[in-house]
Amino acid sequence: MWIIKIGGSLQDSDCLQPWLDAILTHGRGRVVLVPGGGRFADAIRLAQRRFGFDDAEAHRRAIRAMEEYAAYLCDRAPQLVPVQNGNEMEQALAAARVPVWLPCAMSLSDPALPASWDVTSDSLALWLAQKLAAEGLVLVKSVAVDDLRPLDELAGDGVIDTFFPALFQQGPVNLAWYTAVEHGMLEELLEYGVPRVKLTESSSAVH
């Protein structure tokens, strides 16, 4: 099983539907989809600046925003199955479906996840991959990622969130990066385990 996180930056992109189509074509029974935050999370950032609620409350609202994006994805691809926990994921995968994760129930109950903007959907997707002992994690970004750079540098530049490198060190997983236009590569990854870049298993840099 692979975890695929679709970045919120794809929400208004023409590439979103091809990615959903590729996941439904090649990933049934093999992929758990993790939503980004998209415009829904952006609205939380704006609301925090306007109303002044703390980062812990912003974190809770941002995770709920991921569920709004999940609902948006299900509207775009009704074959997706919204799920809250591991048992529901297993049932959907066993039925050769593609579950899309609603993260509130699982992630908000884990005190190990900082309740701040340090944790975004990238870290939550990694956390889920670790919890499920997934084959690997695919992060779909709107821009290309320099896979030779250490994760902490990518975090410093805002490519991933700042908690991601430390969480990765706690439980390294196979990690692959794809851009918005590389949906055609998904079949190769799922069938042969050959990503666009070499999988990362034990280091803090993507080789």
C-alpha atoms as a PDB file:
ATOM      1  CA  MET A   1       0.000   0.000   0.000  1.00  0.00           C
ATOM      2  CA  TRP A   2       1.177   3.506  -0.899  1.00  0.00           C
ATOM      3  CA  ILE A   3       0.176   6.808   0.655  1.00  0.00           C
ATOM      4  CA  ILE A   4      -0.290   9.579  -1.917  1.00  0.00           C
ATOM      5  CA  LYS A   5      -0.671  13.137  -0.714  1.00  0.00           C
ATOM      6  CA  ILE A   6      -2.203  15.531  -3.227  1.00  0.00           C
ATOM      7  CA  GLY A   7      -1.049  19.055  -2.475  1.00  0.00           C
ATOM      8  CA  GLY A   8      -3.594  21.761  -1.898  1.00  0.00           C
ATOM      9  CA  SER A   9      -1.812  23.814  -4.547  1.00  0.00           C
ATOM     10  CA  LEU A  10      -3.334  21.496  -7.167  1.00  0.00           C
ATOM     11  CA  GLN A  11      -6.882  22.427  -6.180  1.00  0.00           C
ATOM     12  CA  ASP A  12      -7.312  24.942  -8.991  1.00  0.00           C
ATOM     13  CA  SER A  13      -4.941  23.214 -11.389  1.00  0.00           C
ATOM     14  CA  ASP A  14      -5.871  21.439 -14.592  1.00  0.00           C
ATOM     15  CA  CYS A  15      -3.597  18.638 -13.345  1.00  0.00           C
ATOM     16  CA  LEU A  16      -5.812  17.665 -10.411  1.00  0.00           C
ATOM     17  CA  GLN A  17      -8.294  15.596 -12.399  1.00  0.00           C
ATOM     18  CA  PRO A  18      -5.589  13.663 -14.297  1.00  0.00           C
ATOM     19  CA  TRP A  19      -4.015  12.766 -10.951  1.00  0.00           C
ATOM     20  CA  LEU A  20      -7.342  11.578  -9.561  1.00  0.00           C
ATOM     21  CA  ASP A  21      -7.988   9.593 -12.733  1.00  0.00           C
ATOM     22  CA  ALA A  22      -4.538   7.981 -12.538  1.00  0.00           C
ATOM     23  CA  ILE A  23      -5.020   7.081  -8.873  1.00  0.00           C
ATOM     24  CA  LEU A  24      -8.422   5.525  -9.559  1.00  0.00           C
ATOM     25  CA  THR A  25      -7.118   3.664 -12.604  1.00  0.00           C
ATOM     26  CA  HIS A  26      -3.944   2.248 -11.104  1.00  0.00           C
ATOM     27  CA  GLY A  27      -4.337   2.581  -7.344  1.00  0.00           C
ATOM     28  CA  ARG A  28      -7.521   0.708  -6.470  1.00  0.00           C
ATOM     29  CA  GLY A  29      -6.808  -1.473  -3.473  1.00  0.00           C
ATOM     30  CA  ARG A  30      -3.251  -0.146  -3.323  1.00  0.00           C
ATOM     31  CA  VAL A  31      -3.393   3.573  -2.504  1.00  0.00           C
ATOM     32  CA  VAL A  32      -4.619   5.693   0.394  1.00  0.00           C
ATOM     33  CA  LEU A  33      -5.120   9.297  -0.663  1.00  0.00           C
ATOM     34  CA  VAL A  34      -4.253  12.121   1.746  1.00  0.00           C
ATOM     35  CA  PRO A  35      -5.691  15.581   0.972  1.00  0.00           C
ATOM     36  CA  GLY A  36      -3.766  18.791   1.346  1.00  0.00           C
ATOM     37  CA  GLY A  37      -5.393  21.898   2.730  1.00  0.00           C
ATOM     38  CA  GLY A  38      -5.915  23.962  -0.389  1.00  0.00           C
ATOM     39  CA  ARG A  39      -7.960  27.139  -0.234  1.00  0.00           C
ATOM     40  CA  PHE A  40      -9.647  25.806   2.912  1.00  0.00           C
ATOM     41  CA  ALA A  41      -6.388  25.944   4.903  1.00  0.00           C
ATOM     42  CA  ASP A  42      -5.529  29.322   3.396  1.00  0.00           C
ATOM     43  CA  ALA A  43      -8.797  30.623   4.813  1.00  0.00           C
ATOM     44  CA  ILE A  44      -7.727  29.473   8.300  1.00  0.00           C
ATOM     45  CA  ARG A  45      -4.477  31.434   8.020  1.00  0.00           C
ATOM     46  CA  LEU A  46      -6.399  34.557   7.056  1.00  0.00           C
ATOM     47  CA  ALA A  47      -8.916  34.040   9.855  1.00  0.00           C
ATOM     48  CA  GLN A  48      -6.144  33.608  12.423  1.00  0.00           C
ATOM     49  CA  ARG A  49      -4.584  36.926  11.411  1.00  0.00           C
ATOM     50  CA  ARG A  50      -7.954  38.629  11.603  1.00  0.00           C
ATOM     51  CA  PHE A  51      -9.361  37.125  14.817  1.00  0.00           C
ATOM     52  CA  GLY A  52      -6.176  36.223  16.683  1.00  0.00           C
ATOM     53  CA  PHE A  53      -6.885  32.665  17.836  1.00  0.00           C
ATOM     54  CA  ASP A  54      -3.790  30.712  18.867  1.00  0.00           C
ATOM     55  CA  ASP A  55      -1.761  28.232  16.820  1.00  0.00           C
ATOM     56  CA  ALA A  56      -3.269  25.224  18.575  1.00  0.00           C
ATOM     57  CA  GLU A  57      -6.754  26.276  17.473  1.00  0.00           C
ATOM     58  CA  ALA A  58      -5.434  27.101  13.987  1.00  0.00           C
ATOM     59  CA  HIS A  59      -3.925  23.598  13.828  1.00  0.00           C
ATOM     60  CA  ARG A  60      -7.255  21.973  14.669  1.00  0.00           C
ATOM     61  CA  ARG A  61      -9.078  24.095  12.114  1.00  0.00           C
ATOM     62  CA  ALA A  62      -6.435  23.422   9.454  1.00  0.00           C
ATOM     63  CA  ILE A  63      -6.835  19.674   9.888  1.00  0.00           C
ATOM     64  CA  ARG A  64     -10.572  20.088   9.547  1.00  0.00           C
ATOM     65  CA  ALA A  65      -9.786  22.085   6.396  1.00  0.00           C
ATOM     66  CA  MET A  66      -8.066  18.969   5.048  1.00  0.00           C
ATOM     67  CA  GLU A  67     -11.382  17.184   5.455  1.00  0.00           C
ATOM     68  CA  GLU A  68     -13.048  19.923   3.433  1.00  0.00           C
ATOM     69  CA  TYR A  69     -10.494  19.334   0.691  1.00  0.00           C
ATOM     70  CA  ALA A  70     -11.178  15.597   0.961  1.00  0.00           C
ATOM     71  CA  ALA A  71     -14.867  16.319   0.358  1.00  0.00           C
ATOM     72  CA  TYR A  72     -13.885  18.445  -2.627  1.00  0.00           C
ATOM     73  CA  LEU A  73     -11.824  15.555  -4.027  1.00  0.00           C
ATOM     74  CA  CYS A  74     -14.748  13.183  -3.527  1.00  0.00           C
ATOM     75  CA  ASP A  75     -16.967  15.586  -5.443  1.00  0.00           C
ATOM     76  CA  ARG A  76     -14.444  15.543  -8.287  1.00  0.00           C
ATOM     77  CA  ALA A  77     -14.063  11.755  -8.115  1.00  0.00           C
ATOM     78  CA  PRO A  78     -17.136  10.118  -6.508  1.00  0.00           C
ATOM     79  CA  GLN A  79     -15.460   6.693  -6.623  1.00  0.00           C
ATOM     80  CA  LEU A  80     -13.221   7.757  -3.733  1.00  0.00           C
ATOM     81  CA  VAL A  81     -14.229   6.459  -0.305  1.00  0.00           C
ATOM     82  CA  PRO A  82     -13.837   8.836   2.670  1.00  0.00           C
ATOM     83  CA  VAL A  83     -12.416   7.020   5.719  1.00  0.00           C
ATOM     84  CA  GLN A  84     -11.433   8.013   9.238  1.00  0.00           C
ATOM     85  CA  ASN A  85      -9.310   5.163  10.580  1.00  0.00           C
ATOM     86  CA  GLY A  86      -7.198   2.162   9.730  1.00  0.00           C
ATOM     87  CA  ASN A  87     -10.059  -0.328   9.823  1.00  0.00           C
ATOM     88  CA  GLU A  88     -12.084   1.682   7.327  1.00  0.00           C
ATOM     89  CA  MET A  89      -9.011   1.992   5.111  1.00  0.00           C
ATOM     90  CA  GLU A  90      -8.473  -1.770   5.183  1.00  0.00           C
ATOM     91  CA  GLN A  91     -12.101  -2.392   4.246  1.00  0.00           C
ATOM     92  CA  ALA A  92     -11.936   0.030   1.315  1.00  0.00           C
ATOM     93  CA  LEU A  93      -8.650  -1.419   0.069  1.00  0.00           C
ATOM     94  CA  ALA A  94      -9.975  -4.976   0.394  1.00  0.00           C
ATOM     95  CA  ALA A  95     -12.919  -3.938  -1.776  1.00  0.00           C
ATOM     96  CA  ALA A  96     -10.488  -2.620  -4.419  1.00  0.00           C
ATOM     97  CA  ARG A  97     -11.480   0.971  -3.692  1.00  0.00           C
ATOM     98  CA  VAL A  98      -9.365   4.081  -3.090  1.00  0.00           C
ATOM     99  CA  PRO A  99      -9.862   5.527   0.404  1.00  0.00           C
ATOM    100  CA  VAL A 100      -9.314   9.232   1.029  1.00  0.00           C
ATOM    101  CA  TRP A 101      -8.309   9.969   4.594  1.00  0.00           C
ATOM    102  CA  LEU A 102     -10.276  12.262   6.911  1.00  0.00           C
ATOM    103  CA  PRO A 103      -7.489  13.043   9.400  1.00  0.00           C
ATOM    104  CA  CYS A 104      -9.258  14.583  12.405  1.00  0.00           C
ATOM    105  CA  ALA A 105     -10.142  11.425  14.331  1.00  0.00           C
ATOM    106  CA  MET A 106      -6.681   9.872  14.170  1.00  0.00           C
ATOM    107  CA  SER A 107      -4.304  12.827  14.178  1.00  0.00           C
ATOM    108  CA  LEU A 108      -5.911  15.177  16.708  1.00  0.00           C
ATOM    109  CA  SER A 109      -5.750  12.457  19.365  1.00  0.00           C
ATOM    110  CA  ASP A 110      -1.967  12.026  19.074  1.00  0.00           C
ATOM    111  CA  PRO A 111      -0.088  14.335  21.491  1.00  0.00           C
ATOM    112  CA  ALA A 112       3.178  13.603  19.659  1.00  0.00           C
ATOM    113  CA  LEU A 113       2.040  15.820  16.774  1.00  0.00           C
ATOM    114  CA  PRO A 114       2.696  19.488  17.588  1.00  0.00           C
ATOM    115  CA  ALA A 115      -0.473  21.565  17.489  1.00  0.00           C
ATOM    116  CA  SER A 116       1.003  24.319  15.343  1.00  0.00           C
ATOM    117  CA  TRP A 117       1.666  25.348  11.753  1.00  0.00           C
ATOM    118  CA  ASP A 118       4.888  23.285  11.999  1.00  0.00           C
ATOM    119  CA  VAL A 119       2.672  20.311  11.099  1.00  0.00           C
ATOM    120  CA  THR A 120       0.805  20.429   7.806  1.00  0.00           C
ATOM    121  CA  SER A 121      -0.628  17.786   5.504  1.00  0.00           C
ATOM    122  CA  ASP A 122       2.891  16.733   4.438  1.00  0.00           C
ATOM    123  CA  SER A 123       3.813  15.610   7.954  1.00  0.00           C
ATOM    124  CA  LEU A 124       0.384  14.094   8.495  1.00  0.00           C
ATOM    125  CA  ALA A 125       0.811  12.021   5.325  1.00  0.00           C
ATOM    126  CA  LEU A 126       4.221  10.863   6.566  1.00  0.00           C
ATOM    127  CA  TRP A 127       2.772  10.108  10.008  1.00  0.00           C
ATOM    128  CA  LEU A 128       0.049   8.007   8.396  1.00  0.00           C
ATOM    129  CA  ALA A 129       2.574   6.139   6.239  1.00  0.00           C
ATOM    130  CA  GLN A 130       4.542   5.310   9.392  1.00  0.00           C
ATOM    131  CA  LYS A 131       1.424   4.215  11.285  1.00  0.00           C
ATOM    132  CA  LEU A 132       0.289   1.930   8.475  1.00  0.00           C
ATOM    133  CA  ALA A 133       3.782   0.610   7.633  1.00  0.00           C
ATOM    134  CA  ALA A 134       3.064   1.643   4.047  1.00  0.00           C
ATOM    135  CA  GLU A 135       5.343   0.711   1.162  1.00  0.00           C
ATOM    136  CA  GLY A 136       6.046   4.373   0.707  1.00  0.00           C
ATOM    137  CA  LEU A 137       4.833   7.936   0.519  1.00  0.00           C
ATOM    138  CA  VAL A 138       4.308  10.010  -2.624  1.00  0.00           C
ATOM    139  CA  LEU A 139       4.168  13.780  -2.245  1.00  0.00           C
ATOM    140  CA  VAL A 140       2.602  15.479  -5.247  1.00  0.00           C
ATOM    141  CA  LYS A 141       3.727  19.096  -5.440  1.00  0.00           C
ATOM    142  CA  SER A 142       2.901  21.886  -7.856  1.00  0.00           C
ATOM    143  CA  VAL A 143       6.627  22.554  -8.351  1.00  0.00           C
ATOM    144  CA  ALA A 144       9.609  20.288  -8.935  1.00  0.00           C
ATOM    145  CA  VAL A 145      11.608  19.266  -5.868  1.00  0.00           C
ATOM    146  CA  ASP A 146      15.398  19.194  -5.899  1.00  0.00           C
ATOM    147  CA  ASP A 147      15.742  15.646  -4.590  1.00  0.00           C
ATOM    148  CA  LEU A 148      19.476  16.060  -3.835  1.00  0.00           C
ATOM    149  CA  ARG A 149      18.795  18.595  -1.089  1.00  0.00           C
ATOM    150  CA  PRO A 150      18.447  17.551   2.565  1.00  0.00           C
ATOM    151  CA  LEU A 151      14.960  17.559   3.982  1.00  0.00           C
ATOM    152  CA  ASP A 152      15.790  20.292   6.474  1.00  0.00           C
ATOM    153  CA  GLU A 153      16.767  22.598   3.599  1.00  0.00           C
ATOM    154  CA  LEU A 154      13.520  21.811   1.811  1.00  0.00           C
ATOM    155  CA  ALA A 155      11.667  22.617   5.025  1.00  0.00           C
ATOM    156  CA  GLY A 156      13.567  25.882   5.366  1.00  0.00           C
ATOM    157  CA  ASP A 157      12.414  26.880   1.897  1.00  0.00           C
ATOM    158  CA  GLY A 158       8.803  25.964   2.627  1.00  0.00           C
ATOM    159  CA  VAL A 159       8.680  22.977   0.259  1.00  0.00           C
ATOM    160  CA  ILE A 160       7.674  20.778   3.210  1.00  0.00           C
ATOM    161  CA  ASP A 161       6.692  21.760   6.725  1.00  0.00           C
ATOM    162  CA  THR A 162       9.270  22.204   9.466  1.00  0.00           C
ATOM    163  CA  PHE A 163       8.255  19.105  11.462  1.00  0.00           C
ATOM    164  CA  PHE A 164       8.689  16.756   8.510  1.00  0.00           C
ATOM    165  CA  PRO A 165      12.490  16.188   8.765  1.00  0.00           C
ATOM    166  CA  ALA A 166      12.385  15.261  12.465  1.00  0.00           C
ATOM    167  CA  LEU A 167       9.371  13.012  11.965  1.00  0.00           C
ATOM    168  CA  PHE A 168      11.101  11.322   9.028  1.00  0.00           C
ATOM    169  CA  GLN A 169      14.105  10.518  11.211  1.00  0.00           C
ATOM    170  CA  GLN A 170      11.800   8.841  13.743  1.00  0.00           C
ATOM    171  CA  GLY A 171      10.593   6.397  11.093  1.00  0.00           C
ATOM    172  CA  PRO A 172      12.081   6.719   7.607  1.00  0.00           C
ATOM    173  CA  VAL A 173       9.851   5.568   4.766  1.00  0.00           C
ATOM    174  CA  ASN A 174      10.281   5.209   1.038  1.00  0.00           C
ATOM    175  CA  LEU A 175       9.670   8.710  -0.233  1.00  0.00           C
ATOM    176  CA  ALA A 176       9.015   9.824  -3.801  1.00  0.00           C
ATOM    177  CA  TRP A 177       8.287  13.280  -5.198  1.00  0.00           C
ATOM    178  CA  TYR A 178       6.163  14.076  -8.235  1.00  0.00           C
ATOM    179  CA  THR A 179       5.099  17.318  -9.833  1.00  0.00           C
ATOM    180  CA  ALA A 180       1.582  18.230 -10.863  1.00  0.00           C
ATOM    181  CA  VAL A 181       2.183  17.115 -14.447  1.00  0.00           C
ATOM    182  CA  GLU A 182       3.746  13.729 -13.662  1.00  0.00           C
ATOM    183  CA  HIS A 183       0.572  11.714 -13.119  1.00  0.00           C
ATOM    184  CA  GLY A 184       1.650   9.477 -15.991  1.00  0.00           C
ATOM    185  CA  MET A 185       4.466   8.143 -13.810  1.00  0.00           C
ATOM    186  CA  LEU A 186       2.155   6.680 -11.186  1.00  0.00           C
ATOM    187  CA  GLU A 187       1.527   3.408 -13.004  1.00  0.00           C
ATOM    188  CA  GLU A 188       5.265   2.727 -13.209  1.00  0.00           C
ATOM    189  CA  LEU A 189       5.700   3.394  -9.506  1.00  0.00           C
ATOM    190  CA  LEU A 190       2.839   1.155  -8.403  1.00  0.00           C
ATOM    191  CA  GLU A 191       3.615  -1.654 -10.819  1.00  0.00           C
ATOM    192  CA  TYR A 192       7.393  -1.744 -10.600  1.00  0.00           C
ATOM    193  CA  GLY A 193       8.395   0.372  -7.619  1.00  0.00           C
ATOM    194  CA  VAL A 194      10.340   2.703  -9.900  1.00  0.00           C
ATOM    195  CA  PRO A 195       9.710   6.358  -8.995  1.00  0.00           C
ATOM    196  CA  ARG A 196      10.861   9.480 -10.792  1.00  0.00           C
ATOM    197  CA  VAL A 197      13.614   9.786  -8.181  1.00  0.00           C
ATOM    198  CA  LYS A 198      15.340   7.129  -6.114  1.00  0.00           C
ATOM    199  CA  LEU A 199      13.391   6.174  -3.030  1.00  0.00           C
ATOM    200  CA  THR A 200      14.688   7.413   0.297  1.00  0.00           C
ATOM    201  CA  GLU A 201      14.775   4.929   3.132  1.00  0.00           C
ATOM    202  CA  SER A 202      17.248   5.923   5.820  1.00  0.00           C
ATOM    203  CA  SER A 203      18.785   9.337   5.279  1.00  0.00           C
ATOM    204  CA  SER A 204      17.566  12.886   5.762  1.00  0.00           C
ATOM    205  CA  ALA A 205      18.250  13.705   2.133  1.00  0.00           C
ATOM    206  CA  VAL A 206      16.475  12.436  -0.951  1.00  0.00           C
ATOM    207  CA  HIS A 207      19.274  10.893  -3.037  1.00  0.00           C
END
